[in-house]
């Protein structure tokens, strides 16, 4: 606020904003996945991603030139592939 004192009376130009922070919310799937990846076993498994998954997509994109398919539908994409 530019002038916090203006919020002290009813006709002031100030604005009051409040946020309710609650630690009681149920865990989401994102929270669950963060917990799994941050575990020692998760870190070990995830560290192999660069050597297992990423080169495959790099090869498809760079060497084969397939950034996206121009057809729609599973059978048509299979044919284009």
PDB file of N, CA and C in Angstrom:
ATOM      1  N   UNK A   1       0.838  -1.175   0.000  1.00  0.00           N
ATOM      2  CA  UNK A   1       0.000   0.000   0.000  1.00  0.00           C
ATOM      3  C   UNK A   1       0.880   1.235   0.000  1.00  0.00           C
ATOM      4  N   UNK A   2       0.476   2.232  -0.757  1.00  0.00           N
ATOM      5  CA  UNK A   2       1.252   3.470  -0.780  1.00  0.00           C
ATOM      6  C   UNK A   2       1.121   4.235   0.524  1.00  0.00           C
ATOM      7  N   UNK A   3      -0.079   4.208   1.113  1.00  0.00           N
ATOM      8  CA  UNK A   3      -0.314   4.934   2.351  1.00  0.00           C
ATOM      9  C   UNK A   3      -1.075   4.029   3.312  1.00  0.00           C
ATOM     10  N   UNK A   4      -0.409   3.246   4.131  1.00  0.00           N
ATOM     11  CA  UNK A   4      -1.097   2.307   5.012  1.00  0.00           C
ATOM     12  C   UNK A   4      -2.022   2.977   6.010  1.00  0.00           C
ATOM     13  N   UNK A   5      -1.735   4.211   6.389  1.00  0.00           N
ATOM     14  CA  UNK A   5      -2.575   4.903   7.365  1.00  0.00           C
ATOM     15  C   UNK A   5      -3.961   5.195   6.796  1.00  0.00           C
ATOM     16  N   UNK A   6      -4.108   5.243   5.480  1.00  0.00           N
ATOM     17  CA  UNK A   6      -5.411   5.545   4.887  1.00  0.00           C
ATOM     18  C   UNK A   6      -6.402   4.405   5.088  1.00  0.00           C
ATOM     19  N   UNK A   7      -5.940   3.232   5.446  1.00  0.00           N
ATOM     20  CA  UNK A   7      -6.840   2.101   5.673  1.00  0.00           C
ATOM     21  C   UNK A   7      -7.424   2.108   7.081  1.00  0.00           C
ATOM     22  N   UNK A   8      -7.030   3.070   7.900  1.00  0.00           N
ATOM     23  CA  UNK A   8      -7.491   3.111   9.277  1.00  0.00           C
ATOM     24  C   UNK A   8      -8.914   3.631   9.430  1.00  0.00           C
ATOM     25  N   UNK A   9      -9.496   4.224   8.426  1.00  0.00           N
ATOM     26  CA  UNK A   9     -10.876   4.700   8.519  1.00  0.00           C
ATOM     27  C   UNK A   9     -11.694   4.154   7.358  1.00  0.00           C
ATOM     28  N   UNK A  10     -12.999   4.235   7.460  1.00  0.00           N
ATOM     29  CA  UNK A  10     -13.896   3.563   6.510  1.00  0.00           C
ATOM     30  C   UNK A  10     -13.827   4.125   5.102  1.00  0.00           C
ATOM     31  N   UNK A  11     -13.538   5.400   4.934  1.00  0.00           N
ATOM     32  CA  UNK A  11     -13.542   6.003   3.603  1.00  0.00           C
ATOM     33  C   UNK A  11     -12.134   6.088   3.010  1.00  0.00           C
ATOM     34  N   UNK A  12     -11.204   5.380   3.552  1.00  0.00           N
ATOM     35  CA  UNK A  12      -9.834   5.434   3.074  1.00  0.00           C
ATOM     36  C   UNK A  12      -9.669   4.755   1.723  1.00  0.00           C
ATOM     37  N   UNK A  13      -8.598   5.076   1.050  1.00  0.00           N
ATOM     38  CA  UNK A  13      -8.306   4.505  -0.261  1.00  0.00           C
ATOM     39  C   UNK A  13      -7.450   3.249  -0.150  1.00  0.00           C
ATOM     40  N   UNK A  14      -7.190   2.828   1.075  1.00  0.00           N
ATOM     41  CA  UNK A  14      -6.339   1.662   1.268  1.00  0.00           C
ATOM     42  C   UNK A  14      -7.058   0.369   0.941  1.00  0.00           C
ATOM     43  N   UNK A  15      -6.322  -0.708   0.911  1.00  0.00           N
ATOM     44  CA  UNK A  15      -6.884  -2.010   0.594  1.00  0.00           C
ATOM     45  C   UNK A  15      -6.297  -3.028   1.560  1.00  0.00           C
ATOM     46  N   UNK A  16      -7.136  -3.925   2.029  1.00  0.00           N
ATOM     47  CA  UNK A  16      -6.675  -4.951   2.950  1.00  0.00           C
ATOM     48  C   UNK A  16      -6.858  -6.308   2.290  1.00  0.00           C
ATOM     49  N   UNK A  17      -5.811  -7.102   2.317  1.00  0.00           N
ATOM     50  CA  UNK A  17      -5.837  -8.413   1.704  1.00  0.00           C
ATOM     51  C   UNK A  17      -5.449  -9.427   2.764  1.00  0.00           C
ATOM     52  N   UNK A  18      -6.180 -10.516   2.824  1.00  0.00           N
ATOM     53  CA  UNK A  18      -5.825 -11.559   3.778  1.00  0.00           C
ATOM     54  C   UNK A  18      -5.778 -12.903   3.071  1.00  0.00           C
ATOM     55  N   UNK A  19      -4.859 -13.743   3.496  1.00  0.00           N
ATOM     56  CA  UNK A  19      -4.702 -15.084   2.969  1.00  0.00           C
ATOM     57  C   UNK A  19      -4.851 -16.063   4.119  1.00  0.00           C
ATOM     58  N   UNK A  20      -5.570 -17.104   3.892  1.00  0.00           N
ATOM     59  CA  UNK A  20      -5.710 -18.135   4.901  1.00  0.00           C
ATOM     60  C   UNK A  20      -4.748 -19.260   4.570  1.00  0.00           C
ATOM     61  N   UNK A  21      -3.789 -19.454   5.441  1.00  0.00           N
ATOM     62  CA  UNK A  21      -2.816 -20.515   5.239  1.00  0.00           C
ATOM     63  C   UNK A  21      -3.208 -21.685   6.123  1.00  0.00           C
ATOM     64  N   UNK A  22      -3.375 -22.804   5.518  1.00  0.00           N
ATOM     65  CA  UNK A  22      -3.787 -23.967   6.280  1.00  0.00           C
ATOM     66  C   UNK A  22      -2.833 -25.121   6.007  1.00  0.00           C
ATOM     67  N   UNK A  23      -2.257 -25.620   7.069  1.00  0.00           N
ATOM     68  CA  UNK A  23      -1.370 -26.775   6.940  1.00  0.00           C
ATOM     69  C   UNK A  23      -2.157 -28.074   7.015  1.00  0.00           C
ATOM     70  N   UNK A  24      -3.466 -27.966   7.100  1.00  0.00           N
ATOM     71  CA  UNK A  24      -4.304 -29.141   7.301  1.00  0.00           C
ATOM     72  C   UNK A  24      -4.847 -29.716   5.996  1.00  0.00           C
ATOM     73  N   UNK A  25      -4.400 -29.203   4.840  1.00  0.00           N
ATOM     74  CA  UNK A  25      -4.937 -29.705   3.578  1.00  0.00           C
ATOM     75  C   UNK A  25      -4.427 -31.121   3.314  1.00  0.00           C
ATOM     76  N   UNK A  26      -5.208 -31.851   2.574  1.00  0.00           N
ATOM     77  CA  UNK A  26      -4.824 -33.226   2.236  1.00  0.00           C
ATOM     78  C   UNK A  26      -3.683 -33.198   1.219  1.00  0.00           C
ATOM     79  N   UNK A  27      -2.756 -34.136   1.286  1.00  0.00           N
ATOM     80  CA  UNK A  27      -1.661 -34.165   0.314  1.00  0.00           C
ATOM     81  C   UNK A  27      -2.188 -34.451  -1.091  1.00  0.00           C
ATOM     82  N   UNK A  28      -1.599 -33.775  -2.063  1.00  0.00           N
ATOM     83  CA  UNK A  28      -1.984 -33.958  -3.460  1.00  0.00           C
ATOM     84  C   UNK A  28      -1.073 -35.005  -4.097  1.00  0.00           C
ATOM     85  N   UNK A  29      -1.385 -35.362  -5.327  1.00  0.00           N
ATOM     86  CA  UNK A  29      -0.532 -36.296  -6.058  1.00  0.00           C
ATOM     87  C   UNK A  29       0.851 -35.689  -6.291  1.00  0.00           C
ATOM     88  N   UNK A  30       0.915 -34.369  -6.457  1.00  0.00           N
ATOM     89  CA  UNK A  30       2.207 -33.710  -6.633  1.00  0.00           C
ATOM     90  C   UNK A  30       3.047 -33.836  -5.375  1.00  0.00           C
ATOM     91  N   UNK A  31       2.429 -33.636  -4.201  1.00  0.00           N
ATOM     92  CA  UNK A  31       3.145 -33.809  -2.938  1.00  0.00           C
ATOM     93  C   UNK A  31       3.656 -35.239  -2.798  1.00  0.00           C
ATOM     94  N   UNK A  32       2.823 -36.192  -3.164  1.00  0.00           N
ATOM     95  CA  UNK A  32       3.189 -37.608  -3.080  1.00  0.00           C
ATOM     96  C   UNK A  32       4.394 -37.908  -3.966  1.00  0.00           C
ATOM     97  N   UNK A  33       4.375 -37.353  -5.196  1.00  0.00           N
ATOM     98  CA  UNK A  33       5.474 -37.615  -6.127  1.00  0.00           C
ATOM     99  C   UNK A  33       6.759 -36.927  -5.667  1.00  0.00           C
ATOM    100  N   UNK A  34       6.650 -35.708  -5.124  1.00  0.00           N
ATOM    101  CA  UNK A  34       7.833 -35.022  -4.597  1.00  0.00           C
ATOM    102  C   UNK A  34       8.478 -35.846  -3.489  1.00  0.00           C
ATOM    103  N   UNK A  35       7.650 -36.406  -2.629  1.00  0.00           N
ATOM    104  CA  UNK A  35       8.163 -37.235  -1.530  1.00  0.00           C
ATOM    105  C   UNK A  35       8.881 -38.468  -2.079  1.00  0.00           C
ATOM    106  N   UNK A  36       8.317 -39.080  -3.103  1.00  0.00           N
ATOM    107  CA  UNK A  36       8.952 -40.281  -3.680  1.00  0.00           C
ATOM    108  C   UNK A  36      10.265 -39.958  -4.371  1.00  0.00           C
ATOM    109  N   UNK A  37      10.308 -38.853  -5.138  1.00  0.00           N
ATOM    110  CA  UNK A  37      11.527 -38.511  -5.876  1.00  0.00           C
ATOM    111  C   UNK A  37      12.621 -38.056  -4.920  1.00  0.00           C
ATOM    112  N   UNK A  38      12.252 -37.397  -3.820  1.00  0.00           N
ATOM    113  CA  UNK A  38      13.249 -36.914  -2.862  1.00  0.00           C
ATOM    114  C   UNK A  38      13.787 -37.995  -1.936  1.00  0.00           C
ATOM    115  N   UNK A  39      13.205 -39.174  -1.959  1.00  0.00           N
ATOM    116  CA  UNK A  39      13.701 -40.256  -1.126  1.00  0.00           C
ATOM    117  C   UNK A  39      15.033 -40.776  -1.690  1.00  0.00           C
ATOM    118  N   UNK A  40      15.848 -41.430  -0.882  1.00  0.00           N
ATOM    119  CA  UNK A  40      17.124 -41.955  -1.395  1.00  0.00           C
ATOM    120  C   UNK A  40      16.948 -42.902  -2.587  1.00  0.00           C
ATOM    121  N   UNK A  41      15.950 -43.786  -2.529  1.00  0.00           N
ATOM    122  CA  UNK A  41      15.723 -44.702  -3.645  1.00  0.00           C
ATOM    123  C   UNK A  41      15.257 -43.941  -4.885  1.00  0.00           C
ATOM    124  N   UNK A  42      14.403 -42.938  -4.685  1.00  0.00           N
ATOM    125  CA  UNK A  42      13.921 -42.131  -5.808  1.00  0.00           C
ATOM    126  C   UNK A  42      15.040 -41.370  -6.483  1.00  0.00           C
ATOM    127  N   UNK A  43      15.973 -40.830  -5.694  1.00  0.00           N
ATOM    128  CA  UNK A  43      17.117 -40.114  -6.266  1.00  0.00           C
ATOM    129  C   UNK A  43      17.987 -41.048  -7.088  1.00  0.00           C
ATOM    130  N   UNK A  44      18.150 -42.265  -6.613  1.00  0.00           N
ATOM    131  CA  UNK A  44      18.955 -43.237  -7.348  1.00  0.00           C
ATOM    132  C   UNK A  44      18.303 -43.585  -8.682  1.00  0.00           C
ATOM    133  N   UNK A  45      17.013 -43.836  -8.659  1.00  0.00           N
ATOM    134  CA  UNK A  45      16.295 -44.198  -9.880  1.00  0.00           C
ATOM    135  C   UNK A  45      16.269 -43.024 -10.852  1.00  0.00           C
ATOM    136  N   UNK A  46      15.966 -41.809 -10.348  1.00  0.00           N
ATOM    137  CA  UNK A  46      15.828 -40.641 -11.212  1.00  0.00           C
ATOM    138  C   UNK A  46      17.152 -40.229 -11.831  1.00  0.00           C
ATOM    139  N   UNK A  47      18.270 -40.555 -11.164  1.00  0.00           N
ATOM    140  CA  UNK A  47      19.572 -40.186 -11.710  1.00  0.00           C
ATOM    141  C   UNK A  47      19.881 -40.931 -13.007  1.00  0.00           C
ATOM    142  N   UNK A  48      19.224 -42.058 -13.260  1.00  0.00           N
ATOM    143  CA  UNK A  48      19.451 -42.822 -14.486  1.00  0.00           C
ATOM    144  C   UNK A  48      18.633 -42.301 -15.661  1.00  0.00           C
ATOM    145  N   UNK A  49      17.756 -41.342 -15.430  1.00  0.00           N
ATOM    146  CA  UNK A  49      16.864 -40.840 -16.477  1.00  0.00           C
ATOM    147  C   UNK A  49      17.637 -40.273 -17.669  1.00  0.00           C
ATOM    148  N   UNK A  50      18.677 -39.510 -17.410  1.00  0.00           N
ATOM    149  CA  UNK A  50      19.431 -38.894 -18.502  1.00  0.00           C
ATOM    150  C   UNK A  50      20.079 -39.929 -19.399  1.00  0.00           C
ATOM    151  N   UNK A  51      20.443 -41.053 -18.856  1.00  0.00           N
ATOM    152  CA  UNK A  51      21.118 -42.057 -19.674  1.00  0.00           C
ATOM    153  C   UNK A  51      20.147 -43.050 -20.294  1.00  0.00           C
ATOM    154  N   UNK A  52      18.900 -43.069 -19.853  1.00  0.00           N
ATOM    155  CA  UNK A  52      17.948 -44.067 -20.341  1.00  0.00           C
ATOM    156  C   UNK A  52      16.898 -43.450 -21.256  1.00  0.00           C
ATOM    157  N   UNK A  53      16.267 -42.358 -20.817  1.00  0.00           N
ATOM    158  CA  UNK A  53      15.110 -41.821 -21.529  1.00  0.00           C
ATOM    159  C   UNK A  53      15.471 -40.698 -22.489  1.00  0.00           C
ATOM    160  N   UNK A  54      16.245 -39.741 -22.036  1.00  0.00           N
ATOM    161  CA  UNK A  54      16.480 -38.530 -22.811  1.00  0.00           C
ATOM    162  C   UNK A  54      17.131 -38.778 -24.182  1.00  0.00           C
ATOM    163  N   UNK A  55      18.125 -39.656 -24.332  1.00  0.00           N
ATOM    164  CA  UNK A  55      18.722 -39.861 -25.649  1.00  0.00           C
ATOM    165  C   UNK A  55      17.731 -40.358 -26.703  1.00  0.00           C
ATOM    166  N   UNK A  56      16.729 -41.119 -26.283  1.00  0.00           N
ATOM    167  CA  UNK A  56      15.738 -41.620 -27.232  1.00  0.00           C
ATOM    168  C   UNK A  56      14.982 -40.465 -27.861  1.00  0.00           C
ATOM    169  N   UNK A  57      14.502 -39.522 -27.034  1.00  0.00           N
ATOM    170  CA  UNK A  57      13.761 -38.386 -27.569  1.00  0.00           C
ATOM    171  C   UNK A  57      14.665 -37.452 -28.355  1.00  0.00           C
ATOM    172  N   UNK A  58      15.916 -37.316 -27.936  1.00  0.00           N
ATOM    173  CA  UNK A  58      16.867 -36.500 -28.690  1.00  0.00           C
ATOM    174  C   UNK A  58      17.110 -37.069 -30.071  1.00  0.00           C
ATOM    175  N   UNK A  59      17.212 -38.388 -30.183  1.00  0.00           N
ATOM    176  CA  UNK A  59      17.414 -39.047 -31.468  1.00  0.00           C
ATOM    177  C   UNK A  59      16.205 -38.849 -32.382  1.00  0.00           C
ATOM    178  N   UNK A  60      15.019 -39.022 -31.841  1.00  0.00           N
ATOM    179  CA  UNK A  60      13.805 -38.868 -32.646  1.00  0.00           C
ATOM    180  C   UNK A  60      13.688 -37.445 -33.168  1.00  0.00           C
ATOM    181  N   UNK A  61      13.956 -36.481 -32.307  1.00  0.00           N
ATOM    182  CA  UNK A  61      13.786 -35.077 -32.686  1.00  0.00           C
ATOM    183  C   UNK A  61      14.881 -34.605 -33.635  1.00  0.00           C
ATOM    184  N   UNK A  62      16.130 -34.858 -33.276  1.00  0.00           N
ATOM    185  CA  UNK A  62      17.247 -34.316 -34.040  1.00  0.00           C
ATOM    186  C   UNK A  62      17.550 -35.114 -35.298  1.00  0.00           C
ATOM    187  N   UNK A  63      17.761 -36.402 -35.184  1.00  0.00           N
ATOM    188  CA  UNK A  63      18.188 -37.210 -36.318  1.00  0.00           C
ATOM    189  C   UNK A  63      17.053 -37.556 -37.276  1.00  0.00           C
ATOM    190  N   UNK A  64      15.892 -37.827 -36.757  1.00  0.00           N
ATOM    191  CA  UNK A  64      14.764 -38.204 -37.617  1.00  0.00           C
ATOM    192  C   UNK A  64      13.914 -37.001 -38.020  1.00  0.00           C
ATOM    193  N   UNK A  65      14.095 -35.868 -37.353  1.00  0.00           N
ATOM    194  CA  UNK A  65      13.367 -34.650 -37.705  1.00  0.00           C
ATOM    195  C   UNK A  65      11.888 -34.689 -37.348  1.00  0.00           C
ATOM    196  N   UNK A  66      11.516 -35.531 -36.400  1.00  0.00           N
ATOM    197  CA  UNK A  66      10.107 -35.623 -36.013  1.00  0.00           C
ATOM    198  C   UNK A  66       9.853 -34.774 -34.771  1.00  0.00           C
ATOM    199  N   UNK A  67       9.564 -33.507 -34.965  1.00  0.00           N
ATOM    200  CA  UNK A  67       9.224 -32.650 -33.841  1.00  0.00           C
ATOM    201  C   UNK A  67       7.760 -32.816 -33.472  1.00  0.00           C
ATOM    202  N   UNK A  68       6.933 -33.103 -34.465  1.00  0.00           N
ATOM    203  CA  UNK A  68       5.506 -33.336 -34.225  1.00  0.00           C
ATOM    204  C   UNK A  68       4.941 -34.093 -35.417  1.00  0.00           C
ATOM    205  N   UNK A  69       3.825 -34.717 -35.189  1.00  0.00           N
ATOM    206  CA  UNK A  69       3.159 -35.437 -36.266  1.00  0.00           C
ATOM    207  C   UNK A  69       2.159 -34.506 -36.939  1.00  0.00           C
ATOM    208  N   UNK A  70       1.994 -34.638 -38.245  1.00  0.00           N
ATOM    209  CA  UNK A  70       1.081 -33.758 -38.977  1.00  0.00           C
ATOM    210  C   UNK A  70      -0.297 -34.379 -39.151  1.00  0.00           C
ATOM    211  N   UNK A  71      -0.463 -35.620 -38.745  1.00  0.00           N
ATOM    212  CA  UNK A  71      -1.749 -36.295 -38.892  1.00  0.00           C
ATOM    213  C   UNK A  71      -2.359 -36.520 -37.513  1.00  0.00           C
ATOM    214  N   UNK A  72      -3.668 -36.805 -37.488  1.00  0.00           N
ATOM    215  CA  UNK A  72      -4.361 -37.070 -36.239  1.00  0.00           C
ATOM    216  C   UNK A  72      -4.921 -38.475 -36.256  1.00  0.00           C
ATOM    217  N   UNK A  73      -4.973 -39.073 -35.094  1.00  0.00           N
ATOM    218  CA  UNK A  73      -5.488 -40.433 -34.987  1.00  0.00           C
ATOM    219  C   UNK A  73      -4.355 -41.429 -34.875  1.00  0.00           C
ATOM    220  N   UNK A  74      -4.587 -42.457 -34.085  1.00  0.00           N
ATOM    221  CA  UNK A  74      -3.517 -43.429 -33.802  1.00  0.00           C
ATOM    222  C   UNK A  74      -3.064 -44.173 -35.061  1.00  0.00           C
ATOM    223  N   UNK A  75      -4.004 -44.618 -35.894  1.00  0.00           N
ATOM    224  CA  UNK A  75      -3.626 -45.380 -37.094  1.00  0.00           C
ATOM    225  C   UNK A  75      -2.851 -44.517 -38.091  1.00  0.00           C
ATOM    226  N   UNK A  76      -3.238 -43.241 -38.238  1.00  0.00           N
ATOM    227  CA  UNK A  76      -2.540 -42.352 -39.167  1.00  0.00           C
ATOM    228  C   UNK A  76      -1.133 -42.007 -38.653  1.00  0.00           C
ATOM    229  N   UNK A  77      -1.019 -41.808 -37.346  1.00  0.00           N
ATOM    230  CA  UNK A  77       0.300 -41.512 -36.778  1.00  0.00           C
ATOM    231  C   UNK A  77       1.211 -42.724 -36.899  1.00  0.00           C
ATOM    232  N   UNK A  78       0.658 -43.930 -36.703  1.00  0.00           N
ATOM    233  CA  UNK A  78       1.448 -45.149 -36.889  1.00  0.00           C
ATOM    234  C   UNK A  78       1.975 -45.230 -38.315  1.00  0.00           C
ATOM    235  N   UNK A  79       1.136 -44.861 -39.272  1.00  0.00           N
ATOM    236  CA  UNK A  79       1.593 -44.855 -40.671  1.00  0.00           C
ATOM    237  C   UNK A  79       2.658 -43.820 -40.935  1.00  0.00           C
ATOM    238  N   UNK A  80       2.519 -42.652 -40.353  1.00  0.00           N
ATOM    239  CA  UNK A  80       3.508 -41.602 -40.545  1.00  0.00           C
ATOM    240  C   UNK A  80       4.829 -41.964 -39.863  1.00  0.00           C
ATOM    241  N   UNK A  81       4.745 -42.652 -38.736  1.00  0.00           N
ATOM    242  CA  UNK A  81       5.941 -43.056 -38.013  1.00  0.00           C
ATOM    243  C   UNK A  81       6.761 -44.008 -38.848  1.00  0.00           C
TER     244      UNK A  81
END
